[in-house]
PDB file of N, CA and C in Angstrom:
ATOM      1  N   MET A   1      -9.229  -0.344  13.168  1.00  0.00           N
ATOM      2  CA  MET A   1      -8.041  -1.140  12.847  1.00  0.00           C
ATOM      3  C   MET A   1      -6.802  -0.384  13.299  1.00  0.00           C
ATOM      4  N   HIS A   2      -5.950  -1.054  14.038  1.00  0.00           N
ATOM      5  CA  HIS A   2      -4.683  -0.473  14.505  1.00  0.00           C
ATOM      6  C   HIS A   2      -3.802  -0.149  13.302  1.00  0.00           C
ATOM      7  N   MET A   3      -3.025   0.922  13.386  1.00  0.00           N
ATOM      8  CA  MET A   3      -2.237   1.383  12.235  1.00  0.00           C
ATOM      9  C   MET A   3      -1.277   0.304  11.722  1.00  0.00           C
ATOM     10  N   ALA A   4      -0.618  -0.443  12.631  1.00  0.00           N
ATOM     11  CA  ALA A   4       0.317  -1.488  12.198  1.00  0.00           C
ATOM     12  C   ALA A   4      -0.439  -2.607  11.483  1.00  0.00           C
ATOM     13  N   ASP A   5      -1.661  -2.917  11.969  1.00  0.00           N
ATOM     14  CA  ASP A   5      -2.481  -3.938  11.309  1.00  0.00           C
ATOM     15  C   ASP A   5      -2.896  -3.454   9.927  1.00  0.00           C
ATOM     16  N   LYS A   6      -3.213  -2.172   9.836  1.00  0.00           N
ATOM     17  CA  LYS A   6      -3.607  -1.588   8.556  1.00  0.00           C
ATOM     18  C   LYS A   6      -2.439  -1.649   7.580  1.00  0.00           C
ATOM     19  N   ALA A   7      -1.238  -1.339   8.069  1.00  0.00           N
ATOM     20  CA  ALA A   7      -0.042  -1.408   7.225  1.00  0.00           C
ATOM     21  C   ALA A   7       0.148  -2.832   6.713  1.00  0.00           C
ATOM     22  N   ALA A   8       0.002  -3.816   7.600  1.00  0.00           N
ATOM     23  CA  ALA A   8       0.174  -5.220   7.214  1.00  0.00           C
ATOM     24  C   ALA A   8      -0.874  -5.622   6.182  1.00  0.00           C
ATOM     25  N   ALA A   9      -2.101  -5.145   6.365  1.00  0.00           N
ATOM     26  CA  ALA A   9      -3.178  -5.468   5.425  1.00  0.00           C
ATOM     27  C   ALA A   9      -2.901  -4.845   4.055  1.00  0.00           C
ATOM     28  N   ILE A  10      -2.330  -3.649   4.044  1.00  0.00           N
ATOM     29  CA  ILE A  10      -2.000  -2.991   2.780  1.00  0.00           C
ATOM     30  C   ILE A  10      -0.865  -3.731   2.081  1.00  0.00           C
ATOM     31  N   VAL A  11       0.144  -4.151   2.846  1.00  0.00           N
ATOM     32  CA  VAL A  11       1.238  -4.936   2.255  1.00  0.00           C
ATOM     33  C   VAL A  11       0.671  -6.201   1.607  1.00  0.00           C
ATOM     34  N   ALA A  12      -0.226  -6.884   2.317  1.00  0.00           N
ATOM     35  CA  ALA A  12      -0.835  -8.099   1.770  1.00  0.00           C
ATOM     36  C   ALA A  12      -1.618  -7.784   0.505  1.00  0.00           C
ATOM     37  N   GLY A  13      -2.354  -6.683   0.516  1.00  0.00           N
ATOM     38  CA  GLY A  13      -3.148  -6.285  -0.642  1.00  0.00           C
ATOM     39  C   GLY A  13      -2.300  -5.907  -1.846  1.00  0.00           C
ATOM     40  N   LEU A  14      -1.058  -5.514  -1.571  1.00  0.00           N
ATOM     41  CA  LEU A  14      -0.131  -5.172  -2.652  1.00  0.00           C
ATOM     42  C   LEU A  14       0.629  -6.397  -3.153  1.00  0.00           C
ATOM     43  N   GLY A  15       0.243  -7.561  -2.685  1.00  0.00           N
ATOM     44  CA  GLY A  15       0.867  -8.797  -3.161  1.00  0.00           C
ATOM     45  C   GLY A  15       1.986  -9.303  -2.278  1.00  0.00           C
ATOM     46  N   GLY A  16       2.105  -8.735  -1.086  1.00  0.00           N
ATOM     47  CA  GLY A  16       3.136  -9.173  -0.151  1.00  0.00           C
ATOM     48  C   GLY A  16       4.401  -8.344  -0.251  1.00  0.00           C
ATOM     49  N   ALA A  17       5.219  -8.429   0.786  1.00  0.00           N
ATOM     50  CA  ALA A  17       6.444  -7.621   0.865  1.00  0.00           C
ATOM     51  C   ALA A  17       7.358  -7.870  -0.324  1.00  0.00           C
ATOM     52  N   GLY A  18       7.417  -9.107  -0.794  1.00  0.00           N
ATOM     53  CA  GLY A  18       8.298  -9.436  -1.896  1.00  0.00           C
ATOM     54  C   GLY A  18       7.874  -8.825  -3.221  1.00  0.00           C
ATOM     55  N   ASN A  19       6.628  -8.344  -3.285  1.00  0.00           N
ATOM     56  CA  ASN A  19       6.109  -7.750  -4.516  1.00  0.00           C
ATOM     57  C   ASN A  19       6.317  -6.236  -4.548  1.00  0.00           C
ATOM     58  N   ILE A  20       6.691  -5.644  -3.423  1.00  0.00           N
ATOM     59  CA  ILE A  20       6.827  -4.186  -3.331  1.00  0.00           C
ATOM     60  C   ILE A  20       8.282  -3.804  -3.558  1.00  0.00           C
ATOM     61  N   GLU A  21       8.541  -3.072  -4.636  1.00  0.00           N
ATOM     62  CA  GLU A  21       9.898  -2.626  -4.935  1.00  0.00           C
ATOM     63  C   GLU A  21      10.195  -1.293  -4.276  1.00  0.00           C
ATOM     64  N   ASP A  22       9.183  -0.436  -4.172  1.00  0.00           N
ATOM     65  CA  ASP A  22       9.398   0.899  -3.633  1.00  0.00           C
ATOM     66  C   ASP A  22       8.074   1.419  -3.109  1.00  0.00           C
ATOM     67  N   ILE A  23       8.119   2.200  -2.035  1.00  0.00           N
ATOM     68  CA  ILE A  23       6.906   2.845  -1.524  1.00  0.00           C
ATOM     69  C   ILE A  23       7.282   4.210  -0.973  1.00  0.00           C
ATOM     70  N   GLU A  24       6.434   5.194  -1.229  1.00  0.00           N
ATOM     71  CA  GLU A  24       6.641   6.521  -0.666  1.00  0.00           C
ATOM     72  C   GLU A  24       5.279   7.167  -0.439  1.00  0.00           C
ATOM     73  N   ALA A  25       5.241   8.088   0.510  1.00  0.00           N
ATOM     74  CA  ALA A  25       4.019   8.828   0.769  1.00  0.00           C
ATOM     75  C   ALA A  25       3.970  10.022  -0.161  1.00  0.00           C
ATOM     76  N   CYS A  26       2.805  10.272  -0.717  1.00  0.00           N
ATOM     77  CA  CYS A  26       2.609  11.413  -1.612  1.00  0.00           C
ATOM     78  C   CYS A  26       1.304  12.091  -1.185  1.00  0.00           C
ATOM     79  N   ILE A  27       1.387  12.990  -0.234  1.00  0.00           N
ATOM     80  CA  ILE A  27       0.257  13.723   0.347  1.00  0.00           C
ATOM     81  C   ILE A  27      -0.728  12.745   0.981  1.00  0.00           C
ATOM     82  N   THR A  28      -1.788  12.346   0.264  1.00  0.00           N
ATOM     83  CA  THR A  28      -2.796  11.455   0.850  1.00  0.00           C
ATOM     84  C   THR A  28      -2.728  10.054   0.250  1.00  0.00           C
ATOM     85  N   ARG A  29      -1.633   9.756  -0.447  1.00  0.00           N
ATOM     86  CA  ARG A  29      -1.538   8.469  -1.133  1.00  0.00           C
ATOM     87  C   ARG A  29      -0.253   7.753  -0.783  1.00  0.00           C
ATOM     88  N   LEU A  30      -0.299   6.437  -0.918  1.00  0.00           N
ATOM     89  CA  LEU A  30       0.907   5.625  -0.904  1.00  0.00           C
ATOM     90  C   LEU A  30       1.228   5.354  -2.363  1.00  0.00           C
ATOM     91  N   ARG A  31       2.379   5.794  -2.814  1.00  0.00           N
ATOM     92  CA  ARG A  31       2.789   5.530  -4.193  1.00  0.00           C
ATOM     93  C   ARG A  31       3.762   4.370  -4.138  1.00  0.00           C
ATOM     94  N   THR A  32       3.387   3.285  -4.762  1.00  0.00           N
ATOM     95  CA  THR A  32       4.206   2.091  -4.692  1.00  0.00           C
ATOM     96  C   THR A  32       4.571   1.614  -6.082  1.00  0.00           C
ATOM     97  N   GLU A  33       5.693   0.935  -6.161  1.00  0.00           N
ATOM     98  CA  GLU A  33       6.070   0.249  -7.388  1.00  0.00           C
ATOM     99  C   GLU A  33       6.141  -1.231  -7.033  1.00  0.00           C
ATOM    100  N   VAL A  34       5.415  -2.049  -7.780  1.00  0.00           N
ATOM    101  CA  VAL A  34       5.361  -3.479  -7.502  1.00  0.00           C
ATOM    102  C   VAL A  34       5.996  -4.261  -8.639  1.00  0.00           C
ATOM    103  N   THR A  35       6.391  -5.481  -8.347  1.00  0.00           N
ATOM    104  CA  THR A  35       6.973  -6.364  -9.353  1.00  0.00           C
ATOM    105  C   THR A  35       5.894  -6.874 -10.289  1.00  0.00           C
ATOM    106  N   ASP A  36       4.755  -7.285  -9.711  1.00  0.00           N
ATOM    107  CA  ASP A  36       3.670  -7.903 -10.478  1.00  0.00           C
ATOM    108  C   ASP A  36       2.340  -7.269 -10.092  1.00  0.00           C
ATOM    109  N   ALA A  37       1.845  -6.362 -10.933  1.00  0.00           N
ATOM    110  CA  ALA A  37       0.585  -5.676 -10.639  1.00  0.00           C
ATOM    111  C   ALA A  37      -0.585  -6.661 -10.597  1.00  0.00           C
ATOM    112  N   GLY A  38      -0.453  -7.815 -11.203  1.00  0.00           N
ATOM    113  CA  GLY A  38      -1.507  -8.821 -11.180  1.00  0.00           C
ATOM    114  C   GLY A  38      -1.745  -9.396  -9.800  1.00  0.00           C
ATOM    115  N   ARG A  39      -0.777  -9.225  -8.904  1.00  0.00           N
ATOM    116  CA  ARG A  39      -0.926  -9.729  -7.533  1.00  0.00           C
ATOM    117  C   ARG A  39      -1.601  -8.726  -6.610  1.00  0.00           C
ATOM    118  N   VAL A  40      -1.864  -7.523  -7.104  1.00  0.00           N
ATOM    119  CA  VAL A  40      -2.509  -6.492  -6.285  1.00  0.00           C
ATOM    120  C   VAL A  40      -3.995  -6.820  -6.143  1.00  0.00           C
ATOM    121  N   ASP A  41      -4.484  -6.803  -4.911  1.00  0.00           N
ATOM    122  CA  ASP A  41      -5.877  -7.138  -4.601  1.00  0.00           C
ATOM    123  C   ASP A  41      -6.592  -5.855  -4.173  1.00  0.00           C
ATOM    124  N   GLU A  42      -7.289  -5.226  -5.142  1.00  0.00           N
ATOM    125  CA  GLU A  42      -7.958  -3.951  -4.845  1.00  0.00           C
ATOM    126  C   GLU A  42      -8.984  -4.093  -3.737  1.00  0.00           C
ATOM    127  N   ALA A  43      -9.740  -5.187  -3.732  1.00  0.00           N
ATOM    128  CA  ALA A  43     -10.760  -5.390  -2.693  1.00  0.00           C
ATOM    129  C   ALA A  43     -10.115  -5.472  -1.312  1.00  0.00           C
ATOM    130  N   ALA A  44      -8.969  -6.152  -1.220  1.00  0.00           N
ATOM    131  CA  ALA A  44      -8.269  -6.264   0.064  1.00  0.00           C
ATOM    132  C   ALA A  44      -7.757  -4.899   0.515  1.00  0.00           C
ATOM    133  N   LEU A  45      -7.262  -4.102  -0.437  1.00  0.00           N
ATOM    134  CA  LEU A  45      -6.780  -2.763  -0.089  1.00  0.00           C
ATOM    135  C   LEU A  45      -7.929  -1.897   0.406  1.00  0.00           C
ATOM    136  N   LYS A  46      -9.083  -1.998  -0.242  1.00  0.00           N
ATOM    137  CA  LYS A  46     -10.246  -1.211   0.207  1.00  0.00           C
ATOM    138  C   LYS A  46     -10.725  -1.703   1.568  1.00  0.00           C
ATOM    139  N   ALA A  47     -10.666  -3.021   1.792  1.00  0.00           N
ATOM    140  CA  ALA A  47     -11.049  -3.564   3.097  1.00  0.00           C
ATOM    141  C   ALA A  47     -10.097  -3.073   4.185  1.00  0.00           C
ATOM    142  N   ALA A  48      -8.849  -2.787   3.810  1.00  0.00           N
ATOM    143  CA  ALA A  48      -7.854  -2.271   4.758  1.00  0.00           C
ATOM    144  C   ALA A  48      -8.023  -0.776   5.003  1.00  0.00           C
ATOM    145  N   GLY A  49      -8.978  -0.151   4.321  1.00  0.00           N
ATOM    146  CA  GLY A  49      -9.266   1.254   4.565  1.00  0.00           C
ATOM    147  C   GLY A  49      -8.902   2.198   3.438  1.00  0.00           C
ATOM    148  N   ALA A  50      -8.411   1.666   2.319  1.00  0.00           N
ATOM    149  CA  ALA A  50      -8.079   2.543   1.192  1.00  0.00           C
ATOM    150  C   ALA A  50      -9.349   3.149   0.615  1.00  0.00           C
ATOM    151  N   HIS A  51      -9.277   4.431   0.266  1.00  0.00           N
ATOM    152  CA  HIS A  51     -10.424   5.110  -0.349  1.00  0.00           C
ATOM    153  C   HIS A  51     -10.481   4.836  -1.837  1.00  0.00           C
ATOM    154  N   GLY A  52      -9.338   4.462  -2.407  1.00  0.00           N
ATOM    155  CA  GLY A  52      -9.274   4.185  -3.834  1.00  0.00           C
ATOM    156  C   GLY A  52      -7.931   3.586  -4.182  1.00  0.00           C
ATOM    157  N   VAL A  53      -7.885   2.936  -5.332  1.00  0.00           N
ATOM    158  CA  VAL A  53      -6.656   2.317  -5.808  1.00  0.00           C
ATOM    159  C   VAL A  53      -6.507   2.657  -7.288  1.00  0.00           C
ATOM    160  N   LEU A  54      -5.351   3.189  -7.667  1.00  0.00           N
ATOM    161  CA  LEU A  54      -5.083   3.528  -9.064  1.00  0.00           C
ATOM    162  C   LEU A  54      -3.878   2.720  -9.519  1.00  0.00           C
ATOM    163  N   ILE A  55      -4.058   1.925 -10.572  1.00  0.00           N
ATOM    164  CA  ILE A  55      -2.969   1.088 -11.070  1.00  0.00           C
ATOM    165  C   ILE A  55      -2.610   1.536 -12.482  1.00  0.00           C
ATOM    166  N   SER A  56      -1.330   1.827 -12.694  1.00  0.00           N
ATOM    167  CA  SER A  56      -0.828   2.213 -14.010  1.00  0.00           C
ATOM    168  C   SER A  56       0.469   1.452 -14.238  1.00  0.00           C
ATOM    169  N   GLY A  57       0.401   0.376 -14.998  1.00  0.00           N
ATOM    170  CA  GLY A  57       1.573  -0.468 -15.175  1.00  0.00           C
ATOM    171  C   GLY A  57       1.933  -1.099 -13.843  1.00  0.00           C
ATOM    172  N   ASN A  58       3.172  -0.901 -13.402  1.00  0.00           N
ATOM    173  CA  ASN A  58       3.602  -1.452 -12.115  1.00  0.00           C
ATOM    174  C   ASN A  58       3.571  -0.415 -10.998  1.00  0.00           C
ATOM    175  N   VAL A  59       2.997   0.753 -11.287  1.00  0.00           N
ATOM    176  CA  VAL A  59       2.855   1.777 -10.254  1.00  0.00           C
ATOM    177  C   VAL A  59       1.435   1.710  -9.698  1.00  0.00           C
ATOM    178  N   VAL A  60       1.348   1.534  -8.388  1.00  0.00           N
ATOM    179  CA  VAL A  60       0.053   1.447  -7.721  1.00  0.00           C
ATOM    180  C   VAL A  60      -0.028   2.583  -6.714  1.00  0.00           C
ATOM    181  N   GLN A  61      -1.076   3.385  -6.816  1.00  0.00           N
ATOM    182  CA  GLN A  61      -1.317   4.430  -5.830  1.00  0.00           C
ATOM    183  C   GLN A  61      -2.510   4.009  -4.989  1.00  0.00           C
ATOM    184  N   VAL A  62      -2.308   4.004  -3.676  1.00  0.00           N
ATOM    185  CA  VAL A  62      -3.353   3.625  -2.734  1.00  0.00           C
ATOM    186  C   VAL A  62      -3.743   4.893  -1.982  1.00  0.00           C
ATOM    187  N   VAL A  63      -4.986   5.345  -2.169  1.00  0.00           N
ATOM    188  CA  VAL A  63      -5.453   6.575  -1.528  1.00  0.00           C
ATOM    189  C   VAL A  63      -5.880   6.238  -0.094  1.00  0.00           C
ATOM    190  N   VAL A  64      -5.149   6.785   0.887  1.00  0.00           N
ATOM    191  CA  VAL A  64      -5.409   6.454   2.292  1.00  0.00           C
ATOM    192  C   VAL A  64      -5.729   7.670   3.151  1.00  0.00           C
ATOM    193  N   GLY A  65      -5.583   8.869   2.616  1.00  0.00           N
ATOM    194  CA  GLY A  65      -5.873  10.053   3.409  1.00  0.00           C
ATOM    195  C   GLY A  65      -4.642  10.561   4.145  1.00  0.00           C
ATOM    196  N   PRO A  66      -4.843  11.391   5.176  1.00  0.00           N
ATOM    197  CA  PRO A  66      -3.739  12.081   5.832  1.00  0.00           C
ATOM    198  C   PRO A  66      -2.770  11.176   6.587  1.00  0.00           C
ATOM    199  N   GLU A  67      -3.097   9.903   6.765  1.00  0.00           N
ATOM    200  CA  GLU A  67      -2.196   9.001   7.487  1.00  0.00           C
ATOM    201  C   GLU A  67      -1.150   8.367   6.565  1.00  0.00           C
ATOM    202  N   ALA A  68      -1.026   8.842   5.337  1.00  0.00           N
ATOM    203  CA  ALA A  68      -0.094   8.246   4.367  1.00  0.00           C
ATOM    204  C   ALA A  68       1.334   8.187   4.907  1.00  0.00           C
ATOM    205  N   ASP A  69       1.814   9.264   5.543  1.00  0.00           N
ATOM    206  CA  ASP A  69       3.191   9.276   6.056  1.00  0.00           C
ATOM    207  C   ASP A  69       3.398   8.196   7.113  1.00  0.00           C
ATOM    208  N   THR A  70       2.472   8.114   8.056  1.00  0.00           N
ATOM    209  CA  THR A  70       2.581   7.129   9.137  1.00  0.00           C
ATOM    210  C   THR A  70       2.523   5.717   8.584  1.00  0.00           C
ATOM    211  N   LEU A  71       1.592   5.489   7.648  1.00  0.00           N
ATOM    212  CA  LEU A  71       1.477   4.161   7.053  1.00  0.00           C
ATOM    213  C   LEU A  71       2.741   3.789   6.284  1.00  0.00           C
ATOM    214  N   THR A  72       3.325   4.744   5.579  1.00  0.00           N
ATOM    215  CA  THR A  72       4.558   4.462   4.836  1.00  0.00           C
ATOM    216  C   THR A  72       5.666   4.031   5.792  1.00  0.00           C
ATOM    217  N   ASP A  73       5.786   4.718   6.928  1.00  0.00           N
ATOM    218  CA  ASP A  73       6.794   4.339   7.931  1.00  0.00           C
ATOM    219  C   ASP A  73       6.532   2.927   8.438  1.00  0.00           C
ATOM    220  N   ASP A  74       5.270   2.625   8.754  1.00  0.00           N
ATOM    221  CA  ASP A  74       4.915   1.298   9.266  1.00  0.00           C
ATOM    222  C   ASP A  74       5.164   0.223   8.216  1.00  0.00           C
ATOM    223  N   ILE A  75       4.846   0.513   6.963  1.00  0.00           N
ATOM    224  CA  ILE A  75       5.056  -0.452   5.881  1.00  0.00           C
ATOM    225  C   ILE A  75       6.549  -0.675   5.663  1.00  0.00           C
ATOM    226  N   ASN A  76       7.345   0.396   5.696  1.00  0.00           N
ATOM    227  CA  ASN A  76       8.794   0.239   5.537  1.00  0.00           C
ATOM    228  C   ASN A  76       9.368  -0.614   6.665  1.00  0.00           C
ATOM    229  N   ASP A  77       8.830  -0.488   7.883  1.00  0.00           N
ATOM    230  CA  ASP A  77       9.277  -1.344   8.986  1.00  0.00           C
ATOM    231  C   ASP A  77       8.996  -2.808   8.658  1.00  0.00           C
ATOM    232  N   LEU A  78       7.836  -3.074   8.048  1.00  0.00           N
ATOM    233  CA  LEU A  78       7.482  -4.452   7.701  1.00  0.00           C
ATOM    234  C   LEU A  78       8.347  -4.995   6.566  1.00  0.00           C
ATOM    235  N   LEU A  79       8.816  -4.109   5.686  1.00  0.00           N
ATOM    236  CA  LEU A  79       9.612  -4.539   4.533  1.00  0.00           C
ATOM    237  C   LEU A  79      11.066  -4.792   4.893  1.00  0.00           C
ATOM    238  N   ASP A  80      11.534  -4.190   5.990  1.00  0.00           N
ATOM    239  CA  ASP A  80      12.952  -4.345   6.383  1.00  0.00           C
ATOM    240  C   ASP A  80      13.239  -5.737   6.905  1.00  0.00           C
TER     241      ASP A  80
END
């Protein structure tokens, strides 16, 4: 999967761009804050290549490995 496609798939899995309030890379994870955690699709995130998904309230951490920085940049491009 191309990195931009992976970023788009992760955005979709997080409930769409409108559901993402904040995203940052944290070593091997994408740390995101979403409006509605109920819209997060863990299966879709795993299908997009996530190794794991941790949800705590409206904070969602998507474990993606060493490409977290690149994915965060690509996702921010999609959110702009």
